[in-house]
N, C-alpha and C. Protein backbone atom coordinates (compact mmCIF):
# COMPACT_ATOMS: atom_id res chain seq x y z
N MET A 1 18.83 76.97 -90.43
CA MET A 1 17.68 77.37 -90.93
C MET A 1 17.13 78.24 -89.73
N THR A 2 17.19 79.54 -89.90
CA THR A 2 16.65 80.69 -88.96
C THR A 2 16.18 81.60 -89.39
N TRP A 3 14.96 81.57 -88.56
CA TRP A 3 13.80 82.92 -89.08
C TRP A 3 13.25 83.18 -87.85
N GLN A 4 13.46 84.29 -87.84
CA GLN A 4 13.16 85.44 -86.71
C GLN A 4 11.92 86.49 -86.78
N VAL A 5 10.34 86.58 -86.08
CA VAL A 5 9.36 87.11 -85.87
C VAL A 5 8.71 87.45 -85.33
N ASN A 6 8.08 89.00 -85.24
CA ASN A 6 7.70 88.81 -83.93
C ASN A 6 6.57 89.96 -83.94
N GLY A 7 5.93 89.09 -82.69
CA GLY A 7 4.02 89.64 -83.16
C GLY A 7 3.52 90.01 -81.72
N LEU A 8 2.53 89.98 -81.57
CA LEU A 8 1.20 90.65 -80.41
C LEU A 8 0.76 88.55 -80.36
N VAL A 9 0.67 88.55 -78.66
CA VAL A 9 0.05 87.68 -78.53
C VAL A 9 -1.36 87.46 -78.82
N VAL A 10 -1.99 86.08 -79.71
CA VAL A 10 -4.05 86.68 -79.07
C VAL A 10 -4.92 85.29 -78.40
N HIS A 11 -5.52 85.61 -78.53
CA HIS A 11 -6.24 84.08 -77.83
C HIS A 11 -6.71 83.03 -79.25
N PRO A 12 -6.57 82.05 -79.21
CA PRO A 12 -7.17 80.78 -80.55
C PRO A 12 -8.28 80.52 -79.83
N ASP A 13 -8.74 79.56 -80.79
CA ASP A 13 -9.61 78.83 -80.28
C ASP A 13 -9.95 77.64 -79.24
N ASP A 14 -8.27 77.68 -78.88
CA ASP A 14 -8.25 76.36 -77.48
C ASP A 14 -8.61 75.28 -77.85
N PHE A 15 -8.66 74.53 -79.02
CA PHE A 15 -8.72 73.03 -79.56
C PHE A 15 -7.31 72.74 -79.24
N ALA A 16 -6.09 73.79 -79.43
CA ALA A 16 -5.13 73.19 -79.21
C ALA A 16 -5.10 72.35 -77.83
N ARG A 17 -5.65 73.49 -76.71
CA ARG A 17 -5.12 73.85 -75.17
C ARG A 17 -6.34 72.54 -74.75
N SER A 18 -8.13 71.93 -75.35
CA SER A 18 -8.10 71.07 -75.06
C SER A 18 -7.59 70.11 -75.32
N LEU A 19 -6.61 69.87 -75.88
CA LEU A 19 -5.69 68.59 -75.75
C LEU A 19 -4.83 68.53 -75.40
N GLY A 20 -4.47 69.00 -74.41
CA GLY A 20 -3.23 69.23 -72.83
C GLY A 20 -1.91 70.11 -73.57
N LEU A 21 -2.54 71.11 -74.73
CA LEU A 21 -1.13 71.90 -75.70
C LEU A 21 -1.59 73.55 -75.10
N ALA A 22 -0.67 74.01 -74.94
CA ALA A 22 -0.82 75.17 -74.64
C ALA A 22 -0.59 76.00 -75.72
N SER A 23 -1.34 77.15 -76.24
CA SER A 23 -1.35 77.39 -77.88
C SER A 23 -1.88 78.97 -77.61
N PHE A 24 -1.03 79.32 -78.33
CA PHE A 24 -1.23 80.51 -79.12
C PHE A 24 -1.37 81.09 -79.95
N ASP A 25 -2.28 82.45 -81.07
CA ASP A 25 -2.66 82.60 -82.10
C ASP A 25 -1.19 83.63 -82.20
N ILE A 26 -0.53 83.91 -83.43
CA ILE A 26 0.08 85.26 -83.17
C ILE A 26 0.29 86.29 -84.20
N ARG A 27 -0.33 87.53 -84.29
CA ARG A 27 -0.60 88.46 -85.06
C ARG A 27 0.63 89.23 -85.49
N LEU A 28 0.96 89.10 -86.42
CA LEU A 28 2.39 89.54 -86.49
C LEU A 28 2.58 91.11 -86.31
N ASP A 29 3.65 91.15 -86.28
CA ASP A 29 3.46 92.85 -86.75
C ASP A 29 3.82 93.71 -88.48
N PRO A 30 3.33 94.46 -88.48
CA PRO A 30 3.06 94.26 -90.09
C PRO A 30 4.45 94.59 -90.85
N GLY A 31 4.50 94.31 -91.93
CA GLY A 31 5.87 93.80 -92.87
C GLY A 31 6.75 92.64 -92.55
N SER A 32 6.00 91.59 -92.07
CA SER A 32 6.91 90.42 -91.49
C SER A 32 6.76 89.65 -92.78
N SER A 33 7.81 89.03 -93.23
CA SER A 33 7.37 87.93 -93.92
C SER A 33 7.79 86.53 -93.36
N LEU A 34 7.07 84.90 -93.62
CA LEU A 34 6.97 84.23 -93.15
C LEU A 34 7.96 83.45 -93.72
N PRO A 35 7.96 81.94 -93.28
CA PRO A 35 8.58 80.87 -94.31
C PRO A 35 7.50 80.07 -94.64
N THR A 36 7.68 79.00 -95.71
CA THR A 36 6.71 78.04 -96.66
C THR A 36 5.81 77.67 -95.11
N PRO A 37 4.58 77.97 -95.53
CA PRO A 37 3.26 77.37 -94.26
C PRO A 37 3.79 75.90 -94.37
N GLY A 38 4.14 75.03 -93.00
CA GLY A 38 4.23 74.44 -92.88
C GLY A 38 4.14 74.02 -91.16
N ILE A 39 5.11 72.98 -90.82
CA ILE A 39 5.24 72.82 -88.99
C ILE A 39 6.55 72.92 -88.96
N TYR A 40 7.06 73.56 -87.99
CA TYR A 40 8.41 74.02 -87.29
C TYR A 40 8.75 73.64 -85.84
N ALA A 41 10.00 73.79 -85.66
CA ALA A 41 10.56 73.76 -84.34
C ALA A 41 10.91 75.10 -84.20
N GLY A 42 10.80 75.58 -83.19
CA GLY A 42 11.79 76.62 -82.62
C GLY A 42 11.79 77.16 -81.39
N TRP A 43 11.75 78.25 -81.36
CA TRP A 43 11.92 79.01 -80.06
C TRP A 43 10.96 80.02 -79.88
N LEU A 44 10.40 80.70 -78.41
CA LEU A 44 9.21 81.41 -78.05
C LEU A 44 10.30 82.51 -77.15
N ARG A 45 10.50 83.00 -77.16
CA ARG A 45 10.25 84.46 -76.37
C ARG A 45 10.25 85.35 -75.74
N THR A 46 9.83 85.53 -74.34
CA THR A 46 9.20 86.43 -74.49
C THR A 46 9.88 86.82 -73.28
N ALA A 47 9.02 88.02 -72.58
CA ALA A 47 10.09 89.19 -71.36
C ALA A 47 10.88 88.52 -70.83
N ASP A 48 10.78 87.08 -69.90
CA ASP A 48 11.45 87.00 -69.42
C ASP A 48 11.64 84.95 -69.03
N ARG A 49 10.90 84.19 -70.40
CA ARG A 49 11.48 83.09 -70.65
C ARG A 49 11.41 83.02 -72.44
N ILE A 50 12.48 81.78 -72.04
CA ILE A 50 12.25 81.00 -73.99
C ILE A 50 12.17 80.15 -73.47
N LEU A 51 11.27 79.74 -74.70
CA LEU A 51 10.89 78.15 -74.76
C LEU A 51 11.19 77.59 -75.34
N PRO A 52 10.64 76.04 -76.03
CA PRO A 52 11.17 75.11 -77.16
C PRO A 52 9.46 75.49 -77.56
N SER A 53 9.42 75.23 -78.86
CA SER A 53 7.54 75.30 -79.72
C SER A 53 7.37 74.80 -80.80
N LEU A 54 6.68 74.40 -81.13
CA LEU A 54 6.44 73.88 -81.99
C LEU A 54 5.48 74.83 -83.18
N ILE A 55 5.61 75.99 -84.50
CA ILE A 55 5.04 76.28 -84.70
C ILE A 55 4.33 75.47 -86.63
N SER A 56 2.75 76.46 -86.13
CA SER A 56 2.52 76.08 -86.88
C SER A 56 2.15 77.39 -87.83
N ILE A 57 2.83 77.03 -89.19
CA ILE A 57 2.47 77.86 -90.47
C ILE A 57 1.03 78.18 -91.48
N GLY A 58 -0.09 78.15 -91.30
CA GLY A 58 -1.35 78.11 -92.49
C GLY A 58 -2.54 78.14 -92.05
N GLY A 59 -3.32 77.77 -92.61
CA GLY A 59 -4.67 77.68 -92.56
C GLY A 59 -4.77 76.24 -91.59
N HIS A 60 -6.12 76.14 -90.87
CA HIS A 60 -6.58 75.18 -90.75
C HIS A 60 -7.73 74.60 -91.32
N ASP A 61 -7.87 74.42 -92.06
CA ASP A 61 -8.61 73.86 -93.37
C ASP A 61 -9.49 72.62 -92.83
N ALA A 62 -8.98 71.52 -92.45
CA ALA A 62 -9.65 70.98 -91.33
C ALA A 62 -11.11 71.59 -90.80
N PHE A 63 -10.58 72.37 -89.94
CA PHE A 63 -11.26 73.14 -89.19
C PHE A 63 -12.41 74.12 -89.80
N GLY A 64 -12.10 74.89 -91.03
CA GLY A 64 -12.47 76.14 -91.18
C GLY A 64 -12.28 77.22 -90.92
N ASP A 65 -11.01 77.47 -90.75
CA ASP A 65 -9.67 78.27 -89.42
C ASP A 65 -8.96 79.49 -90.75
N PRO A 66 -9.19 80.54 -91.10
CA PRO A 66 -8.63 81.26 -92.33
C PRO A 66 -6.78 80.82 -91.29
N ASP A 67 -5.92 81.34 -92.49
CA ASP A 67 -4.66 81.29 -92.14
C ASP A 67 -4.33 82.09 -91.37
N ARG A 68 -3.09 81.45 -90.36
CA ARG A 68 -2.59 82.14 -89.11
C ARG A 68 -1.29 81.38 -88.69
N LEU A 69 -0.73 81.96 -87.47
CA LEU A 69 0.23 81.80 -86.67
C LEU A 69 0.11 81.17 -85.99
N GLU A 70 0.78 79.77 -85.05
CA GLU A 70 0.13 79.22 -84.36
C GLU A 70 1.79 78.80 -83.52
N ILE A 71 2.12 78.98 -82.09
CA ILE A 71 2.93 78.19 -81.55
C ILE A 71 2.09 77.02 -80.50
N CYS A 72 2.97 75.87 -79.95
CA CYS A 72 2.32 75.15 -79.29
C CYS A 72 3.36 74.98 -78.10
N CYS A 73 3.60 75.17 -76.82
CA CYS A 73 4.15 74.71 -76.32
C CYS A 73 3.92 73.67 -75.14
N SER A 74 4.86 71.97 -75.40
CA SER A 74 3.83 70.79 -75.73
C SER A 74 4.22 70.48 -73.89
N GLY A 75 3.61 69.89 -73.37
CA GLY A 75 2.85 70.22 -71.92
C GLY A 75 3.44 71.34 -70.78
N LEU A 76 2.76 72.43 -71.83
CA LEU A 76 2.84 73.28 -70.48
C LEU A 76 1.41 74.59 -71.04
N THR A 77 0.38 74.53 -69.55
CA THR A 77 -0.45 74.11 -70.11
C THR A 77 -1.35 75.59 -69.30
N ASP A 78 -0.48 75.87 -67.89
CA ASP A 78 -0.30 77.36 -67.57
C ASP A 78 -0.04 78.33 -67.70
N LEU A 79 0.15 78.61 -68.98
CA LEU A 79 1.71 79.85 -70.00
C LEU A 79 -0.12 80.70 -69.90
N ASP A 80 0.26 81.92 -69.87
CA ASP A 80 -0.22 83.25 -70.21
C ASP A 80 0.54 83.95 -71.04
N PHE A 81 0.49 84.08 -71.90
CA PHE A 81 1.19 85.59 -72.62
C PHE A 81 0.35 85.70 -73.25
N TYR A 82 -1.21 85.85 -73.40
CA TYR A 82 -2.02 87.13 -74.59
C TYR A 82 -1.65 88.08 -73.93
N GLY A 83 -1.39 88.86 -75.13
CA GLY A 83 -1.85 90.61 -74.64
C GLY A 83 -0.01 91.07 -75.12
N SER A 84 0.34 89.94 -75.20
CA SER A 84 2.36 90.19 -74.69
C SER A 84 2.97 90.14 -76.31
N THR A 85 3.50 91.01 -75.92
CA THR A 85 4.43 90.78 -77.54
C THR A 85 5.69 89.72 -77.27
N VAL A 86 6.07 89.00 -78.37
CA VAL A 86 6.56 88.19 -78.29
C VAL A 86 7.65 87.59 -79.48
N SER A 87 8.66 87.19 -79.73
CA SER A 87 9.70 86.86 -80.64
C SER A 87 9.85 85.36 -81.00
N ILE A 88 9.44 85.30 -82.05
CA ILE A 88 9.39 83.49 -82.57
C ILE A 88 10.46 83.06 -83.31
N THR A 89 11.49 82.49 -83.06
CA THR A 89 12.73 81.72 -84.02
C THR A 89 12.26 80.65 -84.85
N PHE A 90 12.28 80.45 -85.61
CA PHE A 90 12.49 79.14 -85.78
C PHE A 90 13.47 78.31 -86.57
N VAL A 91 13.29 76.97 -86.31
CA VAL A 91 15.25 76.68 -86.54
C VAL A 91 15.03 75.03 -87.31
N ALA A 92 14.07 74.46 -87.47
CA ALA A 92 13.69 73.77 -88.32
C ALA A 92 12.91 73.27 -88.72
N ALA A 93 12.24 72.60 -90.40
CA ALA A 93 11.05 72.50 -91.02
C ALA A 93 11.21 71.50 -90.45
N LEU A 94 9.51 70.62 -90.49
CA LEU A 94 9.81 69.27 -89.58
C LEU A 94 8.27 68.97 -90.97
N ARG A 95 7.69 69.31 -91.57
CA ARG A 95 7.35 68.90 -92.33
C ARG A 95 6.12 70.41 -93.33
N THR A 96 5.99 69.94 -94.34
CA THR A 96 4.62 70.34 -94.58
C THR A 96 2.99 70.59 -94.64
N VAL A 97 2.58 71.52 -95.15
CA VAL A 97 1.08 71.38 -93.87
C VAL A 97 -0.01 70.23 -95.78
N ILE A 98 -0.68 69.47 -94.42
CA ILE A 98 -0.74 68.95 -94.85
C ILE A 98 -2.86 68.63 -95.12
N SER A 99 -3.34 69.46 -95.95
CA SER A 99 -4.74 70.09 -96.05
C SER A 99 -5.82 68.04 -96.30
N ARG A 100 -6.76 68.47 -95.22
CA ARG A 100 -7.60 67.71 -95.61
C ARG A 100 -8.92 67.93 -94.24
N THR A 101 -9.73 67.45 -94.17
CA THR A 101 -10.89 67.52 -94.14
C THR A 101 -12.05 66.65 -92.98
N PHE A 102 -11.97 66.85 -92.01
CA PHE A 102 -12.59 66.20 -91.30
C PHE A 102 -13.74 66.39 -90.89
N THR A 103 -14.89 65.56 -90.84
CA THR A 103 -16.18 65.52 -90.47
C THR A 103 -15.61 65.60 -88.74
N ALA A 104 -15.68 64.70 -88.19
CA ALA A 104 -15.71 64.82 -86.83
C ALA A 104 -14.95 64.55 -85.79
N ILE A 105 -14.30 64.92 -85.14
CA ILE A 105 -12.79 64.36 -84.99
C ILE A 105 -13.55 63.84 -83.71
């Protein structure tokens, strides 16, 4: 499986960063299409870096968030790509979306 999209990095809600993960929300280029909602392994490509990434497609129903594309780069908290255009390559599907609602974390 290989799928690639481009988009602009926008500020997330910072929940993932509070857990020690570098997390970025991506506003996709118009006309972009995505694989089925779920969690994927892939690559985040910026102007000067290529980073292994976890990619989440779909809403964060547990937190009342709308559907979105979110990228996490494990172990890296000092990344700042906000306002940059990036390329995301999906390499492998890891799991489907699990819908749960939590009253507390």
